[in-house]
């Protein structure tokens, strides 16, 4: 898992976090990283930059 459960929970101030939220968030982050990597490679770079998100 890429994300930290404790840090995610600490970031949420007014709601509870369900157990399956972490897996969904992890999938979302992995997908965002994969898309950013594809974009960087398409632009001839091997470094991910904020604009790749």
Protein backbone atom coordinates (compact mmCIF):
# COMPACT_ATOMS: atom_id res chain seq x y z
CA UNK A 1 0.00 0.00 0.00
CA UNK A 2 1.38 3.38 -1.03
CA UNK A 3 -0.68 5.54 1.29
CA UNK A 4 -0.31 5.70 5.06
CA UNK A 5 -3.49 4.80 6.89
CA UNK A 6 -2.53 6.76 9.98
CA UNK A 7 -1.63 9.90 8.03
CA UNK A 8 -4.77 9.64 5.95
CA UNK A 9 -6.91 9.30 9.05
CA UNK A 10 -5.09 12.19 10.72
CA UNK A 11 -5.79 14.39 7.68
CA UNK A 12 -9.53 13.86 7.98
CA UNK A 13 -10.82 16.23 10.62
CA UNK A 14 -14.62 16.08 10.52
CA UNK A 15 -15.49 12.59 9.29
CA UNK A 16 -14.73 8.97 10.01
CA UNK A 17 -12.78 6.91 7.48
CA UNK A 18 -14.19 3.55 6.43
CA UNK A 19 -11.88 0.59 6.05
CA UNK A 20 -12.41 0.26 2.31
CA UNK A 21 -11.60 3.95 1.73
CA UNK A 22 -7.88 3.22 2.11
CA UNK A 23 -7.86 0.62 -0.67
CA UNK A 24 -9.82 2.93 -2.96
CA UNK A 25 -7.46 5.83 -2.23
CA UNK A 26 -4.45 3.59 -2.82
CA UNK A 27 -5.85 2.58 -6.21
CA UNK A 28 -6.51 6.21 -7.09
CA UNK A 29 -2.94 7.20 -6.20
CA UNK A 30 -1.43 4.28 -8.11
CA UNK A 31 -3.47 5.23 -11.18
CA UNK A 32 -2.39 8.88 -10.91
CA UNK A 33 1.26 7.83 -10.67
CA UNK A 34 0.93 5.53 -13.69
CA UNK A 35 -0.66 8.32 -15.76
CA UNK A 36 2.05 10.77 -14.67
CA UNK A 37 4.75 8.27 -15.59
CA UNK A 38 3.22 7.74 -19.04
CA UNK A 39 3.08 11.49 -19.61
CA UNK A 40 6.68 12.03 -18.54
CA UNK A 41 7.92 9.24 -20.80
CA UNK A 42 5.86 10.58 -23.70
CA UNK A 43 7.62 13.91 -23.19
CA UNK A 44 11.05 12.27 -23.24
CA UNK A 45 11.68 12.59 -19.50
CA UNK A 46 12.44 10.08 -16.78
CA UNK A 47 11.56 12.46 -13.97
CA UNK A 48 8.00 12.96 -12.76
CA UNK A 49 7.03 16.60 -12.32
CA UNK A 50 3.92 18.21 -10.84
CA UNK A 51 2.60 19.06 -14.30
CA UNK A 52 2.48 15.32 -15.08
CA UNK A 53 -0.41 14.88 -12.65
